[in-house]
C-alpha atoms as a PDB file:
ATOM      1  CA  MET A   1      89.096  52.152  61.358  1.00  0.00           C
ATOM      2  CA  ALA A   2      86.726  51.014  58.642  1.00  0.00           C
ATOM      3  CA  MET A   3      86.606  53.075  55.457  1.00  0.00           C
ATOM      4  CA  LEU A   4      83.529  54.023  53.496  1.00  0.00           C
ATOM      5  CA  ALA A   5      83.358  52.100  50.212  1.00  0.00           C
ATOM      6  CA  THR A   6      83.325  53.638  46.757  1.00  0.00           C
ATOM      7  CA  ASN A   7      82.692  52.019  43.436  1.00  0.00           C
ATOM      8  CA  SER A   8      85.302  51.275  40.779  1.00  0.00           C
ATOM      9  CA  SER A   9      85.104  54.787  39.327  1.00  0.00           C
ATOM     10  CA  GLY A  10      85.730  56.406  42.676  1.00  0.00           C
ATOM     11  CA  GLU A  11      82.177  57.701  43.048  1.00  0.00           C
ATOM     12  CA  ARG A  12      80.093  57.157  46.162  1.00  0.00           C
ATOM     13  CA  CYS A  13      77.812  54.147  45.889  1.00  0.00           C
ATOM     14  CA  PRO A  14      74.048  54.592  46.311  1.00  0.00           C
ATOM     15  CA  GLY A  15      73.152  54.383  49.965  1.00  0.00           C
ATOM     16  CA  GLU A  16      76.632  55.333  51.187  1.00  0.00           C
ATOM     17  CA  ALA A  17      75.236  58.529  52.683  1.00  0.00           C
ATOM     18  CA  VAL A  18      73.146  56.385  55.043  1.00  0.00           C
ATOM     19  CA  ARG A  19      76.209  54.479  56.154  1.00  0.00           C
ATOM     20  CA  HIS A  20      78.202  57.689  56.562  1.00  0.00           C
ATOM     21  CA  ARG A  21      75.558  59.189  58.855  1.00  0.00           C
ATOM     22  CA  LEU A  22      75.380  56.013  60.956  1.00  0.00           C
ATOM     23  CA  VAL A  23      79.142  55.910  61.424  1.00  0.00           C
ATOM     24  CA  ALA A  24      79.179  59.617  62.252  1.00  0.00           C
ATOM     25  CA  PHE A  25      76.476  58.998  64.863  1.00  0.00           C
ATOM     26  CA  VAL A  26      78.577  56.256  66.462  1.00  0.00           C
ATOM     27  CA  ARG A  27      81.542  58.625  66.551  1.00  0.00           C
ATOM     28  CA  VAL A  28      79.457  61.163  68.433  1.00  0.00           C
ATOM     29  CA  LEU A  29      78.480  58.472  70.931  1.00  0.00           C
ATOM     30  CA  ARG A  30      82.113  57.420  71.291  1.00  0.00           C
ATOM     31  CA  ASP A  31      83.259  60.982  71.869  1.00  0.00           C
ATOM     32  CA  ASN A  32      80.663  61.342  74.616  1.00  0.00           C
ATOM     33  CA  GLY A  33      81.554  58.060  76.309  1.00  0.00           C
ATOM     34  CA  PHE A  34      78.570  56.018  75.159  1.00  0.00           C
ATOM     35  CA  ALA A  35      80.294  53.676  72.681  1.00  0.00           C
ATOM     36  CA  THR A  36      83.432  52.171  74.161  1.00  0.00           C
ATOM     37  CA  GLY A  37      84.011  49.524  71.454  1.00  0.00           C
ATOM     38  CA  PHE A  38      84.143  52.170  68.724  1.00  0.00           C
ATOM     39  CA  ALA A  39      86.266  50.343  66.154  1.00  0.00           C
ATOM     40  CA  GLU A  40      84.204  47.183  66.381  1.00  0.00           C
ATOM     41  CA  THR A  41      80.951  49.162  66.272  1.00  0.00           C
ATOM     42  CA  GLU A  42      82.004  51.088  63.197  1.00  0.00           C
ATOM     43  CA  ASP A  43      83.159  47.935  61.420  1.00  0.00           C
ATOM     44  CA  ALA A  44      79.823  46.304  62.257  1.00  0.00           C
ATOM     45  CA  LEU A  45      77.896  49.258  60.843  1.00  0.00           C
ATOM     46  CA  VAL A  46      79.865  49.163  57.620  1.00  0.00           C
ATOM     47  CA  LEU A  47      79.226  45.429  57.339  1.00  0.00           C
ATOM     48  CA  LEU A  48      75.502  45.725  58.074  1.00  0.00           C
ATOM     49  CA  THR A  49      74.918  48.608  55.683  1.00  0.00           C
ATOM     50  CA  ASP A  50      77.124  47.248  52.905  1.00  0.00           C
ATOM     51  CA  PRO A  51      74.128  45.835  50.962  1.00  0.00           C
ATOM     52  CA  ILE A  52      72.476  49.257  51.099  1.00  0.00           C
ATOM     53  CA  ALA A  53      75.632  50.998  49.932  1.00  0.00           C
ATOM     54  CA  LYS A  54      76.266  48.590  47.060  1.00  0.00           C
ATOM     55  CA  HIS A  55      72.732  47.764  45.970  1.00  0.00           C
ATOM     56  CA  GLY A  56      70.735  50.843  47.004  1.00  0.00           C
ATOM     57  CA  ALA A  57      69.764  51.612  43.427  1.00  0.00           C
ATOM     58  CA  ARG A  58      68.138  48.191  43.132  1.00  0.00           C
ATOM     59  CA  LEU A  59      66.545  48.287  46.585  1.00  0.00           C
ATOM     60  CA  ARG A  60      64.631  51.493  45.958  1.00  0.00           C
ATOM     61  CA  PRO A  61      62.432  50.115  43.139  1.00  0.00           C
ATOM     62  CA  ALA A  62      61.679  47.041  45.263  1.00  0.00           C
ATOM     63  CA  PHE A  63      60.524  49.253  48.109  1.00  0.00           C
ATOM     64  CA  ARG A  64      58.521  51.539  45.831  1.00  0.00           C
ATOM     65  CA  ALA A  65      56.730  48.492  44.444  1.00  0.00           C
ATOM     66  CA  LEU A  66      55.119  47.969  47.846  1.00  0.00           C
ATOM     67  CA  PHE A  67      53.098  51.132  47.296  1.00  0.00           C
ATOM     68  CA  SER A  68      52.303  50.623  43.628  1.00  0.00           C
ATOM     69  CA  ARG A  69      48.715  50.301  42.538  1.00  0.00           C
ATOM     70  CA  GLU A  70      49.071  46.513  42.651  1.00  0.00           C
ATOM     71  CA  TYR A  71      50.327  46.252  46.224  1.00  0.00           C
ATOM     72  CA  ARG A  72      49.360  49.497  47.978  1.00  0.00           C
ATOM     73  CA  ARG A  73      46.258  48.163  49.702  1.00  0.00           C
ATOM     74  CA  ARG A  74      47.696  44.859  50.871  1.00  0.00           C
ATOM     75  CA  THR A  75      50.890  46.540  52.127  1.00  0.00           C
ATOM     76  CA  THR A  76      48.846  48.973  54.213  1.00  0.00           C
ATOM     77  CA  VAL A  77      46.517  46.256  55.512  1.00  0.00           C
ATOM     78  CA  ASN A  78      49.406  43.950  56.391  1.00  0.00           C
ATOM     79  CA  ALA A  79      51.223  46.684  58.290  1.00  0.00           C
ATOM     80  CA  VAL A  80      48.106  47.547  60.298  1.00  0.00           C
ATOM     81  CA  LEU A  81      47.383  43.889  61.072  1.00  0.00           C
ATOM     82  CA  LEU A  82      50.892  43.436  62.399  1.00  0.00           C
ATOM     83  CA  LEU A  83      50.471  46.595  64.462  1.00  0.00           C
ATOM     84  CA  VAL A  84      47.393  45.008  66.037  1.00  0.00           C
ATOM     85  CA  SER A  85      49.374  41.856  66.842  1.00  0.00           C
ATOM     86  CA  MET A  86      52.180  43.859  68.409  1.00  0.00           C
ATOM     87  CA  ILE A  87      49.813  45.861  70.586  1.00  0.00           C
ATOM     88  CA  GLY A  88      48.296  42.696  72.008  1.00  0.00           C
ATOM     89  CA  LEU A  89      51.608  40.934  72.487  1.00  0.00           C
ATOM     90  CA  TRP A  90      53.566  43.773  74.061  1.00  0.00           C
ATOM     91  CA  ALA A  91      50.812  45.297  76.150  1.00  0.00           C
ATOM     92  CA  GLY A  92      49.688  41.941  77.530  1.00  0.00           C
ATOM     93  CA  SER A  93      52.911  39.991  78.005  1.00  0.00           C
ATOM     94  CA  VAL A  94      54.742  42.886  79.635  1.00  0.00           C
ATOM     95  CA  TYR A  95      52.328  42.863  82.589  1.00  0.00           C
ATOM     96  CA  VAL A  96      51.967  39.099  83.017  1.00  0.00           C
ATOM     97  CA  PRO A  97      54.663  38.719  85.727  1.00  0.00           C
ATOM     98  CA  ALA A  98      53.383  41.689  87.743  1.00  0.00           C
ATOM     99  CA  SER A  99      49.784  40.497  87.447  1.00  0.00           C
ATOM    100  CA  VAL A 100      50.597  36.960  88.566  1.00  0.00           C
ATOM    101  CA  THR A 101      52.727  38.210  91.452  1.00  0.00           C
ATOM    102  CA  TYR A 102      49.875  40.435  92.611  1.00  0.00           C
ATOM    103  CA  LEU A 103      47.278  37.650  92.373  1.00  0.00           C
ATOM    104  CA  ALA A 104      49.580  35.201  94.136  1.00  0.00           C
ATOM    105  CA  GLY A 105      50.010  37.623  97.031  1.00  0.00           C
ATOM    106  CA  ARG A 106      46.269  38.158  97.174  1.00  0.00           C
ATOM    107  CA  ASP A 107      45.737  34.390  97.325  1.00  0.00           C
ATOM    108  CA  GLY A 108      48.114  34.023 100.271  1.00  0.00           C
ATOM    109  CA  PHE A 109      51.378  33.051  98.585  1.00  0.00           C
ATOM    110  CA  THR A 110      54.660  34.380  99.951  1.00  0.00           C
ATOM    111  CA  ALA A 111      56.798  36.802  97.926  1.00  0.00           C
ATOM    112  CA  ALA A 112      59.164  33.994  96.889  1.00  0.00           C
ATOM    113  CA  GLU A 113      56.268  31.767  95.886  1.00  0.00           C
ATOM    114  CA  GLY A 114      54.720  34.633  93.951  1.00  0.00           C
ATOM    115  CA  ALA A 115      57.939  35.167  91.997  1.00  0.00           C
ATOM    116  CA  ARG A 116      58.044  31.448  91.249  1.00  0.00           C
ATOM    117  CA  MET A 117      54.431  31.509  90.071  1.00  0.00           C
ATOM    118  CA  ALA A 118      55.257  34.446  87.787  1.00  0.00           C
ATOM    119  CA  SER A 119      57.985  32.332  86.187  1.00  0.00           C
ATOM    120  CA  TYR A 120      55.582  29.415  85.777  1.00  0.00           C
ATOM    121  CA  ALA A 121      53.032  31.758  84.214  1.00  0.00           C
ATOM    122  CA  THR A 122      55.551  32.979  81.647  1.00  0.00           C
ATOM    123  CA  MET A 123      56.410  29.378  80.808  1.00  0.00           C
ATOM    124  CA  LEU A 124      52.706  28.565  80.469  1.00  0.00           C
ATOM    125  CA  LEU A 125      52.191  31.529  78.145  1.00  0.00           C
ATOM    126  CA  SER A 126      55.145  30.393  76.027  1.00  0.00           C
ATOM    127  CA  ALA A 127      53.877  26.810  75.951  1.00  0.00           C
ATOM    128  CA  GLY A 128      50.544  28.067  74.624  1.00  0.00           C
ATOM    129  CA  THR A 129      52.334  30.041  71.914  1.00  0.00           C
ATOM    130  CA  ILE A 130      54.353  26.992  70.856  1.00  0.00           C
ATOM    131  CA  LEU A 131      51.161  24.950  70.649  1.00  0.00           C
ATOM    132  CA  GLY A 132      49.503  27.706  68.626  1.00  0.00           C
ATOM    133  CA  CYS A 133      52.405  27.698  66.167  1.00  0.00           C
ATOM    134  CA  LEU A 134      52.196  23.920  65.788  1.00  0.00           C
ATOM    135  CA  MET A 135      48.486  24.222  65.066  1.00  0.00           C
ATOM    136  CA  LEU A 136      48.983  26.805  62.318  1.00  0.00           C
ATOM    137  CA  PRO A 137      49.739  24.556  59.292  1.00  0.00           C
ATOM    138  CA  SER A 138      46.520  22.590  59.758  1.00  0.00           C
ATOM    139  CA  LEU A 139      44.475  25.730  60.429  1.00  0.00           C
ATOM    140  CA  ALA A 140      45.939  27.567  57.441  1.00  0.00           C
ATOM    141  CA  GLN A 141      45.180  24.649  55.152  1.00  0.00           C
ATOM    142  CA  ARG A 142      41.618  24.269  56.398  1.00  0.00           C
ATOM    143  CA  PHE A 143      40.525  27.865  56.991  1.00  0.00           C
ATOM    144  CA  GLY A 144      43.018  29.793  54.898  1.00  0.00           C
ATOM    145  CA  ARG A 145      45.578  32.338  56.034  1.00  0.00           C
ATOM    146  CA  ARG A 146      43.016  35.024  56.670  1.00  0.00           C
ATOM    147  CA  GLY A 147      40.680  32.670  58.520  1.00  0.00           C
ATOM    148  CA  SER A 148      43.518  31.368  60.697  1.00  0.00           C
ATOM    149  CA  LEU A 149      44.506  34.886  61.696  1.00  0.00           C
ATOM    150  CA  ALA A 150      40.872  35.610  62.516  1.00  0.00           C
ATOM    151  CA  LEU A 151      40.784  32.618  64.881  1.00  0.00           C
ATOM    152  CA  TYR A 152      43.883  33.806  66.700  1.00  0.00           C
ATOM    153  CA  PHE A 153      42.510  37.344  66.885  1.00  0.00           C
ATOM    154  CA  VAL A 154      39.237  36.076  68.350  1.00  0.00           C
ATOM    155  CA  MET A 155      41.147  34.234  71.064  1.00  0.00           C
ATOM    156  CA  MET A 156      43.007  37.414  71.970  1.00  0.00           C
ATOM    157  CA  LEU A 157      39.800  39.442  71.823  1.00  0.00           C
ATOM    158  CA  VAL A 158      38.116  37.035  74.257  1.00  0.00           C
ATOM    159  CA  PHE A 159      40.868  36.136  76.701  1.00  0.00           C
ATOM    160  CA  ILE A 160      42.539  39.532  77.165  1.00  0.00           C
ATOM    161  CA  PRO A 161      39.409  41.161  78.665  1.00  0.00           C
ATOM    162  CA  LEU A 162      38.379  37.907  80.333  1.00  0.00           C
ATOM    163  CA  GLY A 163      41.725  37.487  82.044  1.00  0.00           C
ATOM    164  CA  PHE A 164      42.699  41.073  82.796  1.00  0.00           C
ATOM    165  CA  GLY A 165      39.271  42.671  82.928  1.00  0.00           C
ATOM    166  CA  TYR A 166      37.258  40.034  84.797  1.00  0.00           C
ATOM    167  CA  VAL A 167      39.313  37.235  86.387  1.00  0.00           C
ATOM    168  CA  PHE A 168      41.947  39.680  87.619  1.00  0.00           C
ATOM    169  CA  TYR A 169      39.289  41.355  89.810  1.00  0.00           C
ATOM    170  CA  ALA A 170      37.336  38.219  90.722  1.00  0.00           C
ATOM    171  CA  ALA A 171      36.885  37.426  94.391  1.00  0.00           C
ATOM    172  CA  GLY A 172      38.378  34.283  95.872  1.00  0.00           C
ATOM    173  CA  HIS A 173      41.193  32.278  94.357  1.00  0.00           C
ATOM    174  CA  ALA A 174      41.548  33.929  90.979  1.00  0.00           C
ATOM    175  CA  LEU A 175      45.139  32.895  90.225  1.00  0.00           C
ATOM    176  CA  ALA A 176      44.297  29.468  88.767  1.00  0.00           C
ATOM    177  CA  LYS A 177      41.657  30.960  86.473  1.00  0.00           C
ATOM    178  CA  PHE A 178      44.038  33.714  85.414  1.00  0.00           C
ATOM    179  CA  LEU A 179      46.710  31.134  84.540  1.00  0.00           C
ATOM    180  CA  ALA A 180      44.177  29.272  82.412  1.00  0.00           C
ATOM    181  CA  CYS A 181      43.451  32.498  80.532  1.00  0.00           C
ATOM    182  CA  LEU A 182      47.187  33.011  80.007  1.00  0.00           C
ATOM    183  CA  PHE A 183      47.501  29.638  78.322  1.00  0.00           C
ATOM    184  CA  PHE A 184      44.835  30.543  75.778  1.00  0.00           C
ATOM    185  CA  LEU A 185      46.384  33.986  75.364  1.00  0.00           C
ATOM    186  CA  GLY A 186      49.594  32.181  74.472  1.00  0.00           C
ATOM    187  CA  ILE A 187      47.783  30.209  71.781  1.00  0.00           C
ATOM    188  CA  GLY A 188      46.271  33.418  70.419  1.00  0.00           C
ATOM    189  CA  GLY A 189      49.690  35.064  70.540  1.00  0.00           C
ATOM    190  CA  ALA A 190      50.839  32.598  67.888  1.00  0.00           C
ATOM    191  CA  ASN A 191      49.123  34.896  65.376  1.00  0.00           C
ATOM    192  CA  PHE A 192      52.613  36.151  64.530  1.00  0.00           C
ATOM    193  CA  ALA A 193      53.363  32.782  62.925  1.00  0.00           C
ATOM    194  CA  VAL A 194      50.646  33.438  60.352  1.00  0.00           C
ATOM    195  CA  TYR A 195      52.606  36.354  58.887  1.00  0.00           C
ATOM    196  CA  THR A 196      55.737  34.275  58.261  1.00  0.00           C
ATOM    197  CA  LEU A 197      53.609  32.020  56.062  1.00  0.00           C
ATOM    198  CA  TRP A 198      51.216  34.567  54.631  1.00  0.00           C
ATOM    199  CA  LEU A 199      53.203  37.703  53.793  1.00  0.00           C
ATOM    200  CA  PRO A 200      55.734  36.086  51.402  1.00  0.00           C
ATOM    201  CA  GLU A 201      52.862  34.536  49.457  1.00  0.00           C
ATOM    202  CA  GLN A 202      51.429  37.946  48.598  1.00  0.00           C
ATOM    203  CA  TYR A 203      54.357  39.530  46.740  1.00  0.00           C
ATOM    204  CA  ARG A 204      56.613  38.916  43.781  1.00  0.00           C
ATOM    205  CA  THR A 205      60.201  37.830  44.321  1.00  0.00           C
ATOM    206  CA  GLU A 206      61.801  41.237  43.773  1.00  0.00           C
ATOM    207  CA  CYS A 207      59.852  42.906  46.586  1.00  0.00           C
ATOM    208  CA  ARG A 208      58.986  39.955  48.841  1.00  0.00           C
ATOM    209  CA  GLY A 209      61.753  40.611  51.365  1.00  0.00           C
ATOM    210  CA  SER A 210      61.043  44.351  51.443  1.00  0.00           C
ATOM    211  CA  ALA A 211      57.350  43.686  52.034  1.00  0.00           C
ATOM    212  CA  PHE A 212      58.042  41.379  54.969  1.00  0.00           C
ATOM    213  CA  ALA A 213      60.575  43.797  56.473  1.00  0.00           C
ATOM    214  CA  PHE A 214      58.286  46.813  56.146  1.00  0.00           C
ATOM    215  CA  ALA A 215      55.192  45.111  57.534  1.00  0.00           C
ATOM    216  CA  THR A 216      57.021  43.631  60.514  1.00  0.00           C
ATOM    217  CA  SER A 217      58.934  46.832  61.345  1.00  0.00           C
ATOM    218  CA  PHE A 218      56.628  49.762  60.660  1.00  0.00           C
ATOM    219  CA  GLY A 219      54.178  49.043  63.476  1.00  0.00           C
ATOM    220  CA  ARG A 220      56.863  48.696  66.146  1.00  0.00           C
ATOM    221  CA  PHE A 221      57.086  52.432  66.648  1.00  0.00           C
ATOM    222  CA  LEU A 222      53.346  52.869  67.129  1.00  0.00           C
ATOM    223  CA  ALA A 223      53.068  49.689  69.222  1.00  0.00           C
ATOM    224  CA  ALA A 224      55.789  50.964  71.526  1.00  0.00           C
ATOM    225  CA  GLY A 225      53.775  54.148  71.994  1.00  0.00           C
ATOM    226  CA  ILE A 226      50.671  52.138  72.849  1.00  0.00           C
ATOM    227  CA  THR A 227      52.689  50.207  75.432  1.00  0.00           C
ATOM    228  CA  PHE A 228      53.674  53.490  77.051  1.00  0.00           C
ATOM    229  CA  LEU A 229      50.023  54.565  77.029  1.00  0.00           C
ATOM    230  CA  VAL A 230      49.064  51.342  78.809  1.00  0.00           C
ATOM    231  CA  GLY A 231      51.766  52.051  81.365  1.00  0.00           C
ATOM    232  CA  ALA A 232      50.400  55.551  81.846  1.00  0.00           C
ATOM    233  CA  GLY A 233      46.939  54.052  82.348  1.00  0.00           C
ATOM    234  CA  VAL A 234      48.289  51.661  84.970  1.00  0.00           C
ATOM    235  CA  SER A 235      49.943  54.554  86.765  1.00  0.00           C
ATOM    236  CA  ARG A 236      46.862  56.767  86.601  1.00  0.00           C
ATOM    237  CA  MET A 237      44.282  54.105  87.526  1.00  0.00           C
ATOM    238  CA  HIS A 238      46.514  52.321  90.057  1.00  0.00           C
ATOM    239  CA  THR A 239      45.601  48.937  88.591  1.00  0.00           C
ATOM    240  CA  ILE A 240      46.942  46.651  85.895  1.00  0.00           C
ATOM    241  CA  GLY A 241      43.821  44.823  84.757  1.00  0.00           C
ATOM    242  CA  THR A 242      41.620  47.481  83.181  1.00  0.00           C
ATOM    243  CA  PRO A 243      44.268  49.287  81.052  1.00  0.00           C
ATOM    244  CA  VAL A 244      45.564  45.989  79.648  1.00  0.00           C
ATOM    245  CA  ALA A 245      42.011  44.727  79.029  1.00  0.00           C
ATOM    246  CA  TRP A 246      41.337  47.738  76.802  1.00  0.00           C
ATOM    247  CA  THR A 247      44.073  46.631  74.380  1.00  0.00           C
ATOM    248  CA  ALA A 248      41.631  43.949  73.175  1.00  0.00           C
ATOM    249  CA  VAL A 249      39.900  46.710  71.195  1.00  0.00           C
ATOM    250  CA  ALA A 250      42.827  46.555  68.758  1.00  0.00           C
ATOM    251  CA  PHE A 251      41.876  42.990  67.829  1.00  0.00           C
ATOM    252  CA  LEU A 252      38.322  44.088  67.161  1.00  0.00           C
ATOM    253  CA  ALA A 253      39.738  46.589  64.684  1.00  0.00           C
ATOM    254  CA  GLY A 254      41.953  43.856  63.220  1.00  0.00           C
ATOM    255  CA  LEU A 255      38.983  41.563  62.663  1.00  0.00           C
ATOM    256  CA  ALA A 256      37.120  44.387  60.941  1.00  0.00           C
ATOM    257  CA  LEU A 257      40.111  44.947  58.651  1.00  0.00           C
ATOM    258  CA  LEU A 258      40.642  41.298  57.670  1.00  0.00           C
ATOM    259  CA  PRO A 259      38.055  41.249  54.820  1.00  0.00           C
ATOM    260  CA  TRP A 260      40.285  43.733  52.947  1.00  0.00           C
ATOM    261  CA  SER A 261      43.333  41.472  53.207  1.00  0.00           C
ATOM    262  CA  GLU A 262      44.542  39.109  50.492  1.00  0.00           C
ATOM    263  CA  GLU A 263      43.764  35.390  50.825  1.00  0.00           C
ATOM    264  CA  THR A 264      46.497  33.216  49.293  1.00  0.00           C
ATOM    265  CA  ARG A 265      45.357  29.653  50.042  1.00  0.00           C
ATOM    266  CA  GLY A 266      45.410  27.569  46.894  1.00  0.00           C
ATOM    267  CA  LYS A 267      47.138  30.283  44.839  1.00  0.00           C
ATOM    268  CA  GLU A 268      50.524  29.958  43.188  1.00  0.00           C
ATOM    269  CA  LEU A 269      53.457  31.840  44.682  1.00  0.00           C
ATOM    270  CA  PRO A 270      54.017  35.033  42.630  1.00  0.00           C
ATOM    271  CA  ALA A 271      57.133  34.745  40.468  1.00  0.00           C
END
């Protein structure tokens, strides 16, 4: 069984309490039959939290710097912008297979053909995202990081309600039009690539990693809640299109927030 580390003087290292609680939690799971590979799980936890245990004293100032007077606004704005991206990605992509299957059945496809079309739709969405990522360097150089994100947000703002709010309910053969909307949604979904370029350019070296980790992790909890709300809307309204279409409002809020973000095009990377 893995042992909790101490420093050379025999005192507990900063952050060891976090590791101790995690290992204790795994033990509770093991005792209740939820963690069968206990030894391996505990060793993995010790390994993963070792940087916290050994370097916690140095990590805390780096994290506090994110909310200093210098970085407080951009940290908050970045976290909210990523929350917007997560809402659009999770709420929309989760219901793509079900939406395509429904439209395929409505257009006369068999169940097997509908499942195949759902797979093709997912591939089309992914192809659009790959294309959007490949487009990013040129867009970021021409329009800046903030302008590039605005373009991706506009695409999501347009094609989410167009696809799920209009085409989804259109009479006739709507599947082909819906697939076209999915492709452009995929391109807009590449907005996540902007953050990998943009966020590190906004912070000094000592807090750059903490800034990226916080911004990309904080919104996940709220975005997961929004996804559940969309699911509740689908259950209550007995339709997929309208609840998903409403998630486009998040991108409207994101566009309104962008002027308060930090543009880094042409600026030197902070030391």
